[in-house]
Amino acid sequence: DIVYELKTADSLDKYNKLHWMLWA
């Protein structure tokens, strides 16, 4: 694997935050 950090919340990682998780 190679891993990249993105400039903005453009991946599924943003749904680790509770409010986004609830929305999803």
PDB file of all heavy atoms in Angstrom:
ATOM      1  N   ASP A   1       0.818  -1.210   0.000  1.00  0.00           N
ATOM      2  CA  ASP A   1       0.000   0.000   0.000  1.00  0.00           C
ATOM      3  C   ASP A   1       0.852   1.260   0.000  1.00  0.00           C
ATOM      4  O   ASP A   1       1.901   1.305   0.653  1.00  0.00           O
ATOM      5  CB  ASP A   1      -0.873   0.044   1.263  1.00  0.00           C
ATOM      6  CG  ASP A   1      -1.715  -1.206   1.423  1.00  0.00           C
ATOM      7  OD1 ASP A   1      -2.798  -1.253   0.832  1.00  0.00           O
ATOM      8  OD2 ASP A   1      -1.282  -2.137   2.144  1.00  0.00           O
ATOM      9  N   ILE A   2       0.373   2.288  -0.714  1.00  0.00           N
ATOM     10  CA  ILE A   2       0.900   3.633  -0.524  1.00  0.00           C
ATOM     11  C   ILE A   2      -0.286   4.524  -0.132  1.00  0.00           C
ATOM     12  O   ILE A   2      -1.422   4.303  -0.567  1.00  0.00           O
ATOM     13  CB  ILE A   2       1.639   4.171  -1.772  1.00  0.00           C
ATOM     14  CG1 ILE A   2       0.711   4.317  -2.973  1.00  0.00           C
ATOM     15  CG2 ILE A   2       2.816   3.273  -2.129  1.00  0.00           C
ATOM     16  CD1 ILE A   2       1.403   4.992  -4.168  1.00  0.00           C
ATOM     17  N   VAL A   3      -0.013   5.498   0.738  1.00  0.00           N
ATOM     18  CA  VAL A   3      -1.074   6.293   1.356  1.00  0.00           C
ATOM     19  C   VAL A   3      -0.814   7.780   1.112  1.00  0.00           C
ATOM     20  O   VAL A   3       0.331   8.247   1.256  1.00  0.00           O
ATOM     21  CB  VAL A   3      -1.152   6.013   2.879  1.00  0.00           C
ATOM     22  CG1 VAL A   3      -2.258   6.842   3.525  1.00  0.00           C
ATOM     23  CG2 VAL A   3      -1.376   4.523   3.136  1.00  0.00           C
ATOM     24  N   TYR A   4      -1.855   8.494   0.745  1.00  0.00           N
ATOM     25  CA  TYR A   4      -1.753   9.926   0.461  1.00  0.00           C
ATOM     26  C   TYR A   4      -2.677  10.724   1.369  1.00  0.00           C
ATOM     27  O   TYR A   4      -3.812  10.308   1.646  1.00  0.00           O
ATOM     28  CB  TYR A   4      -2.103  10.207  -1.014  1.00  0.00           C
ATOM     29  CG  TYR A   4      -0.979   9.831  -1.939  1.00  0.00           C
ATOM     30  CD1 TYR A   4      -0.721   8.511  -2.245  1.00  0.00           C
ATOM     31  CD2 TYR A   4      -0.129  10.806  -2.478  1.00  0.00           C
ATOM     32  CE1 TYR A   4       0.328   8.149  -3.064  1.00  0.00           C
ATOM     33  CE2 TYR A   4       0.925  10.460  -3.306  1.00  0.00           C
ATOM     34  CZ  TYR A   4       1.153   9.128  -3.593  1.00  0.00           C
ATOM     35  OH  TYR A   4       2.216   8.778  -4.406  1.00  0.00           O
ATOM     36  N   GLU A   5      -2.178  11.867   1.834  1.00  0.00           N
ATOM     37  CA  GLU A   5      -3.005  12.827   2.567  1.00  0.00           C
ATOM     38  C   GLU A   5      -3.590  13.815   1.566  1.00  0.00           C
ATOM     39  O   GLU A   5      -2.876  14.321   0.682  1.00  0.00           O
ATOM     40  CB  GLU A   5      -2.163  13.562   3.604  1.00  0.00           C
ATOM     41  CG  GLU A   5      -2.977  14.502   4.469  1.00  0.00           C
ATOM     42  CD  GLU A   5      -2.125  15.216   5.514  1.00  0.00           C
ATOM     43  OE1 GLU A   5      -0.932  14.863   5.672  1.00  0.00           O
ATOM     44  OE2 GLU A   5      -2.658  16.143   6.150  1.00  0.00           O
ATOM     45  N   LEU A   6      -4.881  14.064   1.685  1.00  0.00           N
ATOM     46  CA  LEU A   6      -5.581  14.922   0.736  1.00  0.00           C
ATOM     47  C   LEU A   6      -5.744  16.341   1.280  1.00  0.00           C
ATOM     48  O   LEU A   6      -5.749  16.559   2.497  1.00  0.00           O
ATOM     49  CB  LEU A   6      -6.956  14.330   0.415  1.00  0.00           C
ATOM     50  CG  LEU A   6      -6.932  12.890  -0.129  1.00  0.00           C
ATOM     51  CD1 LEU A   6      -8.353  12.383  -0.341  1.00  0.00           C
ATOM     52  CD2 LEU A   6      -6.125  12.793  -1.407  1.00  0.00           C
ATOM     53  N   LYS A   7      -5.894  17.293   0.367  1.00  0.00           N
ATOM     54  CA  LYS A   7      -6.004  18.702   0.763  1.00  0.00           C
ATOM     55  C   LYS A   7      -7.306  18.982   1.497  1.00  0.00           C
ATOM     56  O   LYS A   7      -7.344  19.776   2.437  1.00  0.00           O
ATOM     57  CB  LYS A   7      -5.916  19.596  -0.479  1.00  0.00           C
ATOM     58  CG  LYS A   7      -4.548  19.620  -1.131  1.00  0.00           C
ATOM     59  CD  LYS A   7      -4.585  20.442  -2.420  1.00  0.00           C
ATOM     60  CE  LYS A   7      -3.221  20.464  -3.094  1.00  0.00           C
ATOM     61  NZ  LYS A   7      -3.270  21.149  -4.417  1.00  0.00           N
ATOM     62  N   THR A   8      -8.374  18.357   1.049  1.00  0.00           N
ATOM     63  CA  THR A   8      -9.692  18.601   1.641  1.00  0.00           C
ATOM     64  C   THR A   8     -10.375  17.271   1.930  1.00  0.00           C
ATOM     65  O   THR A   8      -9.856  16.201   1.598  1.00  0.00           O
ATOM     66  CB  THR A   8     -10.571  19.443   0.692  1.00  0.00           C
ATOM     67  OG1 THR A   8     -10.614  18.795  -0.597  1.00  0.00           O
ATOM     68  CG2 THR A   8      -9.997  20.851   0.524  1.00  0.00           C
ATOM     69  N   ALA A   9     -11.558  17.323   2.534  1.00  0.00           N
ATOM     70  CA  ALA A   9     -12.271  16.112   2.976  1.00  0.00           C
ATOM     71  C   ALA A   9     -12.961  15.435   1.791  1.00  0.00           C
ATOM     72  O   ALA A   9     -14.193  15.388   1.706  1.00  0.00           O
ATOM     73  CB  ALA A   9     -13.269  16.471   4.060  1.00  0.00           C
ATOM     74  N   ASP A  10     -12.153  14.887   0.871  1.00  0.00           N
ATOM     75  CA  ASP A  10     -12.694  14.327  -0.364  1.00  0.00           C
ATOM     76  C   ASP A  10     -12.776  12.804  -0.362  1.00  0.00           C
ATOM     77  O   ASP A  10     -13.072  12.214  -1.395  1.00  0.00           O
ATOM     78  CB  ASP A  10     -11.841  14.779  -1.557  1.00  0.00           C
ATOM     79  CG  ASP A  10     -12.095  16.233  -1.934  1.00  0.00           C
ATOM     80  OD1 ASP A  10     -13.263  16.573  -2.181  1.00  0.00           O
ATOM     81  OD2 ASP A  10     -11.124  17.012  -1.969  1.00  0.00           O
ATOM     82  N   SER A  11     -12.485  12.179   0.766  1.00  0.00           N
ATOM     83  CA  SER A  11     -12.565  10.717   0.803  1.00  0.00           C
ATOM     84  C   SER A  11     -13.539  10.279   1.896  1.00  0.00           C
ATOM     85  O   SER A  11     -14.109  11.094   2.620  1.00  0.00           O
ATOM     86  CB  SER A  11     -11.178  10.107   1.050  1.00  0.00           C
ATOM     87  OG  SER A  11     -10.813  10.208   2.411  1.00  0.00           O
ATOM     88  N   LEU A  12     -13.678   8.974   2.026  1.00  0.00           N
ATOM     89  CA  LEU A  12     -14.594   8.425   3.029  1.00  0.00           C
ATOM     90  C   LEU A  12     -14.134   8.683   4.451  1.00  0.00           C
ATOM     91  O   LEU A  12     -14.909   8.503   5.394  1.00  0.00           O
ATOM     92  CB  LEU A  12     -14.751   6.912   2.801  1.00  0.00           C
ATOM     93  CG  LEU A  12     -15.469   6.503   1.513  1.00  0.00           C
ATOM     94  CD1 LEU A  12     -15.312   4.997   1.272  1.00  0.00           C
ATOM     95  CD2 LEU A  12     -16.944   6.876   1.561  1.00  0.00           C
ATOM     96  N   ASP A  13     -12.889   9.110   4.630  1.00  0.00           N
ATOM     97  CA  ASP A  13     -12.382   9.381   5.977  1.00  0.00           C
ATOM     98  C   ASP A  13     -13.207  10.428   6.709  1.00  0.00           C
ATOM     99  O   ASP A  13     -13.277  10.423   7.933  1.00  0.00           O
ATOM    100  CB  ASP A  13     -10.919   9.849   5.915  1.00  0.00           C
ATOM    101  CG  ASP A  13      -9.967   8.703   5.587  1.00  0.00           C
ATOM    102  OD1 ASP A  13     -10.386   7.538   5.674  1.00  0.00           O
ATOM    103  OD2 ASP A  13      -8.807   8.985   5.234  1.00  0.00           O
ATOM    104  N   LYS A  14     -13.834  11.326   5.981  1.00  0.00           N
ATOM    105  CA  LYS A  14     -14.581  12.385   6.665  1.00  0.00           C
ATOM    106  C   LYS A  14     -15.751  11.808   7.474  1.00  0.00           C
ATOM    107  O   LYS A  14     -16.205  12.424   8.436  1.00  0.00           O
ATOM    108  CB  LYS A  14     -15.062  13.436   5.677  1.00  0.00           C
ATOM    109  CG  LYS A  14     -16.329  13.143   4.905  1.00  0.00           C
ATOM    110  CD  LYS A  14     -16.709  14.365   4.069  1.00  0.00           C
ATOM    111  CE  LYS A  14     -18.053  14.201   3.392  1.00  0.00           C
ATOM    112  NZ  LYS A  14     -18.404  15.373   2.572  1.00  0.00           N
ATOM    113  N   TYR A  15     -16.184  10.600   7.096  1.00  0.00           N
ATOM    114  CA  TYR A  15     -17.310   9.995   7.807  1.00  0.00           C
ATOM    115  C   TYR A  15     -16.887   9.328   9.113  1.00  0.00           C
ATOM    116  O   TYR A  15     -17.708   8.710   9.795  1.00  0.00           O
ATOM    117  CB  TYR A  15     -18.035   9.012   6.889  1.00  0.00           C
ATOM    118  CG  TYR A  15     -18.626   9.732   5.701  1.00  0.00           C
ATOM    119  CD1 TYR A  15     -17.970   9.753   4.466  1.00  0.00           C
ATOM    120  CD2 TYR A  15     -19.814  10.453   5.829  1.00  0.00           C
ATOM    121  CE1 TYR A  15     -18.482  10.446   3.388  1.00  0.00           C
ATOM    122  CE2 TYR A  15     -20.334  11.153   4.744  1.00  0.00           C
ATOM    123  CZ  TYR A  15     -19.666  11.148   3.526  1.00  0.00           C
ATOM    124  OH  TYR A  15     -20.185  11.854   2.469  1.00  0.00           O
ATOM    125  N   ASN A  16     -15.594   9.464   9.479  1.00  0.00           N
ATOM    126  CA  ASN A  16     -15.163   9.053  10.815  1.00  0.00           C
ATOM    127  C   ASN A  16     -15.653  10.038  11.875  1.00  0.00           C
ATOM    128  O   ASN A  16     -15.724   9.693  13.052  1.00  0.00           O
ATOM    129  CB  ASN A  16     -13.627   8.956  10.877  1.00  0.00           C
ATOM    130  CG  ASN A  16     -13.104   7.822  10.006  1.00  0.00           C
ATOM    131  OD1 ASN A  16     -13.789   6.826   9.799  1.00  0.00           O
ATOM    132  ND2 ASN A  16     -11.893   7.976   9.493  1.00  0.00           N
ATOM    133  N   LYS A  17     -15.957  11.254  11.458  1.00  0.00           N
ATOM    134  CA  LYS A  17     -16.496  12.257  12.387  1.00  0.00           C
ATOM    135  C   LYS A  17     -17.968  11.935  12.659  1.00  0.00           C
ATOM    136  O   LYS A  17     -18.728  11.603  11.745  1.00  0.00           O
ATOM    137  CB  LYS A  17     -16.357  13.659  11.808  1.00  0.00           C
ATOM    138  CG  LYS A  17     -14.909  14.145  11.725  1.00  0.00           C
ATOM    139  CD  LYS A  17     -14.864  15.619  11.324  1.00  0.00           C
ATOM    140  CE  LYS A  17     -13.484  16.211  11.542  1.00  0.00           C
ATOM    141  NZ  LYS A  17     -12.466  15.628  10.659  1.00  0.00           N
ATOM    142  N   LEU A  18     -18.366  12.075  13.918  1.00  0.00           N
ATOM    143  CA  LEU A  18     -19.672  11.593  14.354  1.00  0.00           C
ATOM    144  C   LEU A  18     -20.830  12.207  13.561  1.00  0.00           C
ATOM    145  O   LEU A  18     -21.737  11.491  13.130  1.00  0.00           O
ATOM    146  CB  LEU A  18     -19.859  11.863  15.853  1.00  0.00           C
ATOM    147  CG  LEU A  18     -21.180  11.352  16.449  1.00  0.00           C
ATOM    148  CD1 LEU A  18     -21.308   9.841  16.285  1.00  0.00           C
ATOM    149  CD2 LEU A  18     -21.303  11.749  17.919  1.00  0.00           C
ATOM    150  N   HIS A  19     -20.803  13.523  13.342  1.00  0.00           N
ATOM    151  CA  HIS A  19     -21.944  14.142  12.681  1.00  0.00           C
ATOM    152  C   HIS A  19     -22.078  13.673  11.230  1.00  0.00           C
ATOM    153  O   HIS A  19     -23.188  13.461  10.735  1.00  0.00           O
ATOM    154  CB  HIS A  19     -21.880  15.675  12.767  1.00  0.00           C
ATOM    155  CG  HIS A  19     -20.740  16.309  12.051  1.00  0.00           C
ATOM    156  ND1 HIS A  19     -19.436  16.198  12.490  1.00  0.00           N
ATOM    157  CD2 HIS A  19     -20.695  17.067  10.921  1.00  0.00           C
ATOM    158  CE1 HIS A  19     -18.640  16.862  11.666  1.00  0.00           C
ATOM    159  NE2 HIS A  19     -19.370  17.394  10.708  1.00  0.00           N
ATOM    160  N   TRP A  20     -20.927  13.493  10.551  1.00  0.00           N
ATOM    161  CA  TRP A  20     -20.971  12.970   9.187  1.00  0.00           C
ATOM    162  C   TRP A  20     -21.416  11.497   9.179  1.00  0.00           C
ATOM    163  O   TRP A  20     -22.137  11.064   8.274  1.00  0.00           O
ATOM    164  CB  TRP A  20     -19.613  13.115   8.513  1.00  0.00           C
ATOM    165  CG  TRP A  20     -19.315  14.493   8.014  1.00  0.00           C
ATOM    166  CD1 TRP A  20     -18.369  15.357   8.477  1.00  0.00           C
ATOM    167  CD2 TRP A  20     -19.992  15.185   6.949  1.00  0.00           C
ATOM    168  NE1 TRP A  20     -18.398  16.531   7.778  1.00  0.00           N
ATOM    169  CE2 TRP A  20     -19.390  16.456   6.837  1.00  0.00           C
ATOM    170  CE3 TRP A  20     -21.040  14.855   6.106  1.00  0.00           C
ATOM    171  CZ2 TRP A  20     -19.799  17.396   5.892  1.00  0.00           C
ATOM    172  CZ3 TRP A  20     -21.458  15.782   5.163  1.00  0.00           C
ATOM    173  CH2 TRP A  20     -20.839  17.041   5.069  1.00  0.00           C
ATOM    174  N   MET A  21     -20.956  10.746  10.179  1.00  0.00           N
ATOM    175  CA  MET A  21     -21.344   9.340  10.281  1.00  0.00           C
ATOM    176  C   MET A  21     -22.869   9.206  10.436  1.00  0.00           C
ATOM    177  O   MET A  21     -23.508   8.378   9.786  1.00  0.00           O
ATOM    178  CB  MET A  21     -20.631   8.700  11.474  1.00  0.00           C
ATOM    179  CG  MET A  21     -20.738   7.191  11.537  1.00  0.00           C
ATOM    180  SD  MET A  21     -19.938   6.516  13.023  1.00  0.00           S
ATOM    181  CE  MET A  21     -18.252   7.073  12.822  1.00  0.00           C
ATOM    182  N   LEU A  22     -23.439  10.049  11.294  1.00  0.00           N
ATOM    183  CA  LEU A  22     -24.888  10.016  11.504  1.00  0.00           C
ATOM    184  C   LEU A  22     -25.631  10.410  10.229  1.00  0.00           C
ATOM    185  O   LEU A  22     -26.659   9.821   9.882  1.00  0.00           O
ATOM    186  CB  LEU A  22     -25.268  10.941  12.660  1.00  0.00           C
ATOM    187  CG  LEU A  22     -24.763  10.497  14.045  1.00  0.00           C
ATOM    188  CD1 LEU A  22     -25.031  11.582  15.077  1.00  0.00           C
ATOM    189  CD2 LEU A  22     -25.413   9.186  14.470  1.00  0.00           C
ATOM    190  N   TRP A  23     -25.108  11.411   9.534  1.00  0.00           N
ATOM    191  CA  TRP A  23     -25.719  11.842   8.285  1.00  0.00           C
ATOM    192  C   TRP A  23     -25.695  10.720   7.248  1.00  0.00           C
ATOM    193  O   TRP A  23     -26.699  10.455   6.565  1.00  0.00           O
ATOM    194  CB  TRP A  23     -25.001  13.086   7.754  1.00  0.00           C
ATOM    195  CG  TRP A  23     -25.508  13.545   6.422  1.00  0.00           C
ATOM    196  CD1 TRP A  23     -24.926  13.371   5.211  1.00  0.00           C
ATOM    197  CD2 TRP A  23     -26.737  14.232   6.161  1.00  0.00           C
ATOM    198  NE1 TRP A  23     -25.704  13.911   4.202  1.00  0.00           N
ATOM    199  CE2 TRP A  23     -26.824  14.450   4.759  1.00  0.00           C
ATOM    200  CE3 TRP A  23     -27.771  14.703   6.982  1.00  0.00           C
ATOM    201  CZ2 TRP A  23     -27.890  15.109   4.167  1.00  0.00           C
ATOM    202  CZ3 TRP A  23     -28.839  15.353   6.383  1.00  0.00           C
ATOM    203  CH2 TRP A  23     -28.900  15.556   4.988  1.00  0.00           C
ATOM    204  N   ALA A  24     -24.550  10.033   7.146  1.00  0.00           N
ATOM    205  CA  ALA A  24     -24.421   8.931   6.182  1.00  0.00           C
ATOM    206  C   ALA A  24     -25.384   7.800   6.527  1.00  0.00           C
ATOM    207  O   ALA A  24     -26.011   7.207   5.640  1.00  0.00           O
ATOM    208  CB  ALA A  24     -22.985   8.421   6.157  1.00  0.00           C
TER     209      ALA A  24
END
